[in-house]
């Protein structure tokens, strides 16, 4: 049971998926139409920067911390985002005209943000 709640593994999975899907894939999708002058605007740039900053935080927590500190940082970073996705799903919120948490597409983000949070909570008082 402890292997499935390994905080470092879940943080690394989340950071990689967040970087690949949040930044690289979105950038490629938005910049494929070079004739559209509005394809890459400041609103899209802000979203890329938010995804990038969050990825850096996740990689930092996964690689530069350990034990109790890692568990607590994982819980503090991931649980609020999980709650954000739940509220966004319940209220059917949109971000740049795209649903934030439309089901069933939002199941993966729910799991990816929930698992490091649960791992962090379960290992909150972990002895190093």
N, C-alpha and C. Protein backbone atom coordinates (compact mmCIF):
# COMPACT_ATOMS: atom_id res chain seq x y z
N UNK A 1 0.81 -1.19 0.00
CA UNK A 1 0.00 0.00 0.00
C UNK A 1 0.87 1.27 0.00
N UNK A 2 2.03 1.19 0.64
CA UNK A 2 2.90 2.35 0.69
C UNK A 2 3.46 2.72 -0.68
N UNK A 3 3.61 1.73 -1.56
CA UNK A 3 4.17 2.02 -2.88
C UNK A 3 3.23 2.87 -3.72
N UNK A 4 1.93 2.65 -3.58
CA UNK A 4 0.98 3.44 -4.36
C UNK A 4 0.88 4.87 -3.84
N UNK A 5 1.22 5.09 -2.58
CA UNK A 5 1.17 6.43 -2.01
C UNK A 5 2.57 7.03 -1.86
N UNK A 6 3.43 6.77 -2.84
CA UNK A 6 4.77 7.35 -2.87
C UNK A 6 4.65 8.78 -3.41
N UNK A 7 4.86 9.74 -2.54
CA UNK A 7 4.65 11.14 -2.89
C UNK A 7 5.55 11.58 -4.04
N UNK A 8 6.81 11.19 -4.00
CA UNK A 8 7.76 11.61 -5.04
C UNK A 8 7.33 11.13 -6.43
N UNK A 9 6.91 9.88 -6.53
CA UNK A 9 6.48 9.34 -7.82
C UNK A 9 5.28 10.10 -8.36
N UNK A 10 4.28 10.33 -7.51
CA UNK A 10 3.08 11.05 -7.95
C UNK A 10 3.40 12.49 -8.35
N UNK A 11 4.30 13.13 -7.61
CA UNK A 11 4.69 14.50 -7.98
C UNK A 11 5.41 14.53 -9.31
N UNK A 12 6.29 13.56 -9.56
CA UNK A 12 6.99 13.51 -10.84
C UNK A 12 6.03 13.23 -11.99
N UNK A 13 5.10 12.30 -11.79
CA UNK A 13 4.11 12.02 -12.83
C UNK A 13 3.30 13.28 -13.13
N UNK A 14 2.84 13.94 -12.09
CA UNK A 14 2.05 15.16 -12.27
C UNK A 14 2.86 16.25 -12.95
N UNK A 15 4.11 16.43 -12.56
CA UNK A 15 4.94 17.48 -13.15
C UNK A 15 5.21 17.21 -14.63
N UNK A 16 5.49 15.97 -14.98
CA UNK A 16 5.74 15.64 -16.39
C UNK A 16 4.48 15.83 -17.23
N UNK A 17 3.36 15.31 -16.76
CA UNK A 17 2.10 15.46 -17.50
C UNK A 17 1.72 16.94 -17.59
N UNK A 18 1.91 17.67 -16.53
CA UNK A 18 1.59 19.10 -16.51
C UNK A 18 2.44 19.85 -17.52
N UNK A 19 3.71 19.51 -17.61
CA UNK A 19 4.61 20.17 -18.55
C UNK A 19 4.27 19.79 -19.99
N UNK A 20 4.11 18.50 -20.24
CA UNK A 20 3.87 18.04 -21.61
C UNK A 20 2.50 18.49 -22.11
N UNK A 21 1.46 18.16 -21.36
CA UNK A 21 0.10 18.47 -21.82
C UNK A 21 -0.25 19.95 -21.64
N UNK A 22 0.20 20.56 -20.58
CA UNK A 22 -0.17 21.93 -20.30
C UNK A 22 0.58 22.95 -21.11
N UNK A 23 1.83 22.68 -21.41
CA UNK A 23 2.64 23.67 -22.11
C UNK A 23 2.92 23.25 -23.55
N UNK A 24 3.57 22.11 -23.72
CA UNK A 24 4.05 21.73 -25.05
C UNK A 24 2.91 21.45 -26.01
N UNK A 25 1.95 20.63 -25.62
CA UNK A 25 0.84 20.28 -26.53
C UNK A 25 -0.02 21.51 -26.81
N UNK A 26 -0.34 22.29 -25.77
CA UNK A 26 -1.14 23.49 -25.99
C UNK A 26 -0.43 24.49 -26.88
N UNK A 27 0.88 24.65 -26.71
CA UNK A 27 1.64 25.56 -27.56
C UNK A 27 1.61 25.11 -29.01
N UNK A 28 1.79 23.81 -29.23
CA UNK A 28 1.74 23.29 -30.59
C UNK A 28 0.37 23.46 -31.21
N UNK A 29 -0.68 23.26 -30.45
CA UNK A 29 -2.03 23.41 -30.99
C UNK A 29 -2.35 24.87 -31.30
N UNK A 30 -1.87 25.78 -30.49
CA UNK A 30 -2.19 27.19 -30.70
C UNK A 30 -1.35 27.84 -31.79
N UNK A 31 -0.17 27.33 -32.05
CA UNK A 31 0.71 27.98 -33.02
C UNK A 31 0.80 27.24 -34.34
N UNK A 32 -0.08 26.29 -34.60
CA UNK A 32 -0.03 25.59 -35.88
C UNK A 32 -0.57 26.44 -37.01
N UNK A 33 -1.51 27.32 -36.72
CA UNK A 33 -2.09 28.19 -37.74
C UNK A 33 -1.33 29.51 -37.76
N UNK A 34 -0.28 29.58 -38.59
CA UNK A 34 0.56 30.78 -38.63
C UNK A 34 -0.14 31.95 -39.31
N UNK A 35 -1.21 31.70 -40.05
CA UNK A 35 -1.92 32.80 -40.70
C UNK A 35 -2.83 33.54 -39.73
N UNK A 36 -3.18 32.91 -38.62
CA UNK A 36 -4.05 33.55 -37.63
C UNK A 36 -3.20 34.38 -36.68
N UNK A 37 -3.30 35.70 -36.81
CA UNK A 37 -2.48 36.61 -36.01
C UNK A 37 -2.83 36.54 -34.53
N UNK A 38 -4.06 36.15 -34.20
CA UNK A 38 -4.50 36.11 -32.81
C UNK A 38 -4.31 34.74 -32.15
N UNK A 39 -3.66 33.81 -32.85
CA UNK A 39 -3.51 32.46 -32.31
C UNK A 39 -2.66 32.46 -31.04
N UNK A 40 -1.67 33.33 -31.00
CA UNK A 40 -0.80 33.38 -29.82
C UNK A 40 -0.87 34.78 -29.24
N UNK A 41 -1.77 34.99 -28.31
CA UNK A 41 -1.94 36.30 -27.71
C UNK A 41 -1.48 36.28 -26.25
N UNK A 42 -1.62 37.40 -25.58
CA UNK A 42 -1.12 37.49 -24.21
C UNK A 42 -1.92 36.62 -23.25
N UNK A 43 -3.19 36.39 -23.55
CA UNK A 43 -3.99 35.52 -22.69
C UNK A 43 -3.44 34.09 -22.71
N UNK A 44 -3.08 33.62 -23.89
CA UNK A 44 -2.49 32.29 -23.99
C UNK A 44 -1.11 32.24 -23.34
N UNK A 45 -0.35 33.31 -23.50
CA UNK A 45 0.97 33.37 -22.88
C UNK A 45 0.86 33.28 -21.36
N UNK A 46 -0.13 33.96 -20.79
CA UNK A 46 -0.33 33.90 -19.34
C UNK A 46 -0.62 32.48 -18.88
N UNK A 47 -1.42 31.76 -19.64
CA UNK A 47 -1.74 30.38 -19.27
C UNK A 47 -0.49 29.51 -19.34
N UNK A 48 0.34 29.69 -20.38
CA UNK A 48 1.58 28.93 -20.49
C UNK A 48 2.50 29.23 -19.30
N UNK A 49 2.58 30.49 -18.90
CA UNK A 49 3.44 30.86 -17.77
C UNK A 49 2.93 30.25 -16.47
N UNK A 50 1.62 30.23 -16.28
CA UNK A 50 1.06 29.61 -15.07
C UNK A 50 1.37 28.12 -15.04
N UNK A 51 1.16 27.45 -16.18
CA UNK A 51 1.48 26.02 -16.26
C UNK A 51 2.98 25.80 -16.01
N UNK A 52 3.81 26.65 -16.58
CA UNK A 52 5.26 26.51 -16.41
C UNK A 52 5.70 26.71 -14.98
N UNK A 53 5.17 27.73 -14.32
CA UNK A 53 5.52 27.98 -12.92
C UNK A 53 5.09 26.82 -12.04
N UNK A 54 3.90 26.32 -12.27
CA UNK A 54 3.41 25.20 -11.45
C UNK A 54 4.27 23.96 -11.68
N UNK A 55 4.68 23.73 -12.93
CA UNK A 55 5.55 22.59 -13.21
C UNK A 55 6.88 22.71 -12.48
N UNK A 56 7.43 23.92 -12.45
CA UNK A 56 8.69 24.14 -11.74
C UNK A 56 8.51 23.86 -10.24
N UNK A 57 7.41 24.34 -9.66
CA UNK A 57 7.14 24.06 -8.24
C UNK A 57 7.05 22.56 -7.99
N UNK A 58 6.34 21.85 -8.86
CA UNK A 58 6.16 20.41 -8.68
C UNK A 58 7.49 19.67 -8.81
N UNK A 59 8.31 20.03 -9.81
CA UNK A 59 9.62 19.40 -9.95
C UNK A 59 10.50 19.71 -8.74
N UNK A 60 10.42 20.94 -8.24
CA UNK A 60 11.21 21.30 -7.06
C UNK A 60 10.83 20.43 -5.86
N UNK A 61 9.54 20.33 -5.59
CA UNK A 61 9.09 19.55 -4.43
C UNK A 61 9.49 18.09 -4.60
N UNK A 62 9.38 17.57 -5.82
CA UNK A 62 9.70 16.16 -6.06
C UNK A 62 11.20 15.87 -5.95
N UNK A 63 12.03 16.79 -6.43
CA UNK A 63 13.46 16.49 -6.53
C UNK A 63 14.31 17.09 -5.40
N UNK A 64 13.89 18.20 -4.83
CA UNK A 64 14.74 18.91 -3.87
C UNK A 64 14.32 18.74 -2.41
N UNK A 65 13.20 18.07 -2.18
CA UNK A 65 12.77 17.84 -0.80
C UNK A 65 12.56 16.34 -0.60
N UNK A 66 12.38 15.96 0.64
CA UNK A 66 12.13 14.54 0.92
C UNK A 66 11.39 14.41 2.25
N UNK A 67 10.86 13.23 2.46
CA UNK A 67 10.23 12.90 3.73
C UNK A 67 9.05 13.78 4.08
N UNK A 68 9.06 14.27 5.31
CA UNK A 68 7.95 15.05 5.85
C UNK A 68 7.76 16.36 5.09
N UNK A 69 8.86 17.04 4.75
CA UNK A 69 8.75 18.30 4.01
C UNK A 69 8.10 18.08 2.66
N UNK A 70 8.51 17.03 1.97
CA UNK A 70 7.93 16.73 0.66
C UNK A 70 6.45 16.41 0.78
N UNK A 71 6.09 15.62 1.77
CA UNK A 71 4.69 15.25 1.96
C UNK A 71 3.83 16.47 2.24
N UNK A 72 4.31 17.34 3.09
CA UNK A 72 3.53 18.53 3.44
C UNK A 72 3.42 19.49 2.26
N UNK A 73 4.50 19.69 1.54
CA UNK A 73 4.43 20.56 0.37
C UNK A 73 3.52 19.98 -0.70
N UNK A 74 3.56 18.68 -0.88
CA UNK A 74 2.67 18.04 -1.86
C UNK A 74 1.21 18.25 -1.48
N UNK A 75 0.90 18.08 -0.22
CA UNK A 75 -0.48 18.29 0.23
C UNK A 75 -0.90 19.74 0.05
N UNK A 76 -0.03 20.66 0.41
CA UNK A 76 -0.36 22.08 0.32
C UNK A 76 -0.49 22.54 -1.13
N UNK A 77 0.29 21.98 -2.04
CA UNK A 77 0.21 22.37 -3.46
C UNK A 77 -0.93 21.68 -4.20
N UNK A 78 -1.15 20.42 -3.93
CA UNK A 78 -2.05 19.62 -4.77
C UNK A 78 -3.51 19.63 -4.32
N UNK A 79 -3.76 19.63 -3.04
CA UNK A 79 -5.16 19.58 -2.57
C UNK A 79 -5.95 20.81 -3.02
N UNK A 80 -5.40 22.04 -2.95
CA UNK A 80 -6.19 23.18 -3.44
C UNK A 80 -6.52 23.09 -4.93
N UNK A 81 -5.61 22.54 -5.73
CA UNK A 81 -5.91 22.39 -7.16
C UNK A 81 -6.98 21.34 -7.38
N UNK A 82 -6.96 20.27 -6.59
CA UNK A 82 -8.04 19.29 -6.70
C UNK A 82 -9.38 19.93 -6.34
N UNK A 83 -9.40 20.71 -5.28
CA UNK A 83 -10.63 21.40 -4.89
C UNK A 83 -11.07 22.37 -5.99
N UNK A 84 -10.10 23.06 -6.61
CA UNK A 84 -10.41 23.95 -7.73
C UNK A 84 -11.09 23.19 -8.87
N UNK A 85 -10.58 22.01 -9.20
CA UNK A 85 -11.18 21.22 -10.27
C UNK A 85 -12.59 20.76 -9.90
N UNK A 86 -12.79 20.37 -8.66
CA UNK A 86 -14.13 19.93 -8.22
C UNK A 86 -15.11 21.10 -8.31
N UNK A 87 -14.72 22.27 -7.81
CA UNK A 87 -15.60 23.44 -7.87
C UNK A 87 -15.85 23.84 -9.32
N UNK A 88 -14.81 23.81 -10.15
CA UNK A 88 -14.96 24.15 -11.57
C UNK A 88 -15.92 23.20 -12.27
N UNK A 89 -15.84 21.92 -11.92
CA UNK A 89 -16.74 20.93 -12.51
C UNK A 89 -18.17 21.18 -12.05
N UNK A 90 -18.36 21.43 -10.76
CA UNK A 90 -19.70 21.63 -10.24
C UNK A 90 -20.34 22.91 -10.79
N UNK A 91 -19.53 23.96 -10.98
CA UNK A 91 -20.06 25.23 -11.47
C UNK A 91 -19.98 25.37 -12.98
N UNK A 92 -19.39 24.35 -13.65
CA UNK A 92 -19.20 24.36 -15.10
C UNK A 92 -18.46 25.61 -15.57
N UNK A 93 -17.34 25.90 -14.91
CA UNK A 93 -16.54 27.08 -15.22
C UNK A 93 -15.76 26.89 -16.51
N UNK A 94 -15.49 28.01 -17.20
CA UNK A 94 -14.71 28.01 -18.44
C UNK A 94 -13.47 28.85 -18.24
N UNK A 95 -12.41 28.47 -18.94
CA UNK A 95 -11.16 29.23 -18.97
C UNK A 95 -10.81 29.43 -20.43
N UNK A 96 -10.81 30.65 -20.89
CA UNK A 96 -10.56 31.00 -22.28
C UNK A 96 -11.56 30.29 -23.19
N UNK A 97 -12.79 30.18 -22.74
CA UNK A 97 -13.84 29.56 -23.53
C UNK A 97 -13.84 28.04 -23.53
N UNK A 98 -12.95 27.44 -22.77
CA UNK A 98 -12.85 25.98 -22.71
C UNK A 98 -13.24 25.55 -21.30
N UNK A 99 -14.09 24.52 -21.17
CA UNK A 99 -14.46 24.06 -19.82
C UNK A 99 -13.24 23.60 -19.03
N UNK A 100 -13.15 24.04 -17.79
CA UNK A 100 -12.02 23.69 -16.94
C UNK A 100 -12.05 22.22 -16.58
N UNK A 101 -13.22 21.72 -16.22
CA UNK A 101 -13.32 20.34 -15.74
C UNK A 101 -14.57 19.68 -16.30
N UNK A 102 -14.60 19.51 -17.61
CA UNK A 102 -15.73 18.82 -18.23
C UNK A 102 -15.54 17.32 -18.10
N UNK A 103 -16.57 16.66 -17.67
CA UNK A 103 -16.49 15.20 -17.53
C UNK A 103 -16.79 14.54 -18.86
N UNK A 104 -16.19 13.45 -19.22
CA UNK A 104 -15.24 12.62 -18.48
C UNK A 104 -13.78 13.02 -18.68
N UNK A 105 -13.52 14.09 -19.45
CA UNK A 105 -12.13 14.50 -19.70
C UNK A 105 -11.40 14.90 -18.43
N UNK A 106 -12.11 15.35 -17.43
CA UNK A 106 -11.48 15.85 -16.21
C UNK A 106 -11.11 14.76 -15.22
N UNK A 107 -11.39 13.53 -15.53
CA UNK A 107 -11.05 12.45 -14.59
C UNK A 107 -9.54 12.35 -14.41
N UNK A 108 -8.77 12.47 -15.48
CA UNK A 108 -7.31 12.40 -15.36
C UNK A 108 -6.75 13.53 -14.48
N UNK A 109 -7.12 14.80 -14.72
CA UNK A 109 -6.63 15.84 -13.79
C UNK A 109 -7.08 15.63 -12.35
N UNK A 110 -8.31 15.13 -12.16
CA UNK A 110 -8.77 14.85 -10.80
C UNK A 110 -7.82 13.87 -10.13
N UNK A 111 -7.50 12.78 -10.81
CA UNK A 111 -6.63 11.74 -10.24
C UNK A 111 -5.21 12.26 -10.05
N UNK A 112 -4.69 12.98 -11.06
CA UNK A 112 -3.31 13.45 -11.00
C UNK A 112 -3.09 14.49 -9.90
N UNK A 113 -4.08 15.28 -9.58
CA UNK A 113 -3.94 16.24 -8.50
C UNK A 113 -4.31 15.64 -7.15
N UNK A 114 -5.19 14.65 -7.14
CA UNK A 114 -5.63 14.06 -5.88
C UNK A 114 -4.58 13.13 -5.28
N UNK A 115 -3.93 12.32 -6.10
CA UNK A 115 -3.01 11.30 -5.57
C UNK A 115 -1.81 11.89 -4.83
N UNK A 116 -1.11 12.91 -5.36
CA UNK A 116 -0.03 13.49 -4.55
C UNK A 116 -0.56 14.15 -3.28
N UNK A 117 -1.77 14.72 -3.37
CA UNK A 117 -2.37 15.33 -2.18
C UNK A 117 -2.68 14.30 -1.11
N UNK A 118 -3.28 13.19 -1.51
CA UNK A 118 -3.57 12.12 -0.55
C UNK A 118 -2.27 11.54 0.00
N UNK A 119 -1.29 11.34 -0.88
CA UNK A 119 0.01 10.82 -0.42
C UNK A 119 0.64 11.76 0.59
N UNK A 120 0.55 13.06 0.31
CA UNK A 120 1.10 14.04 1.24
C UNK A 120 0.39 14.03 2.58
N UNK A 121 -0.94 13.91 2.54
CA UNK A 121 -1.70 13.87 3.79
C UNK A 121 -1.38 12.60 4.57
N UNK A 122 -1.28 11.47 3.87
CA UNK A 122 -0.99 10.21 4.56
C UNK A 122 0.41 10.18 5.15
N UNK A 123 1.35 10.90 4.51
CA UNK A 123 2.73 10.93 5.00
C UNK A 123 3.05 12.23 5.73
N UNK A 124 2.04 12.95 6.17
CA UNK A 124 2.21 14.27 6.80
C UNK A 124 3.18 14.21 7.98
N UNK A 125 3.08 13.21 8.82
CA UNK A 125 3.94 13.08 10.00
C UNK A 125 5.00 12.01 9.81
N UNK A 126 5.46 11.83 8.60
CA UNK A 126 6.46 10.83 8.27
C UNK A 126 7.77 11.13 8.99
N UNK A 127 8.34 10.12 9.60
CA UNK A 127 9.66 10.26 10.23
C UNK A 127 10.71 9.98 9.18
N UNK A 128 11.67 10.89 9.04
CA UNK A 128 12.72 10.73 8.03
C UNK A 128 13.68 9.62 8.36
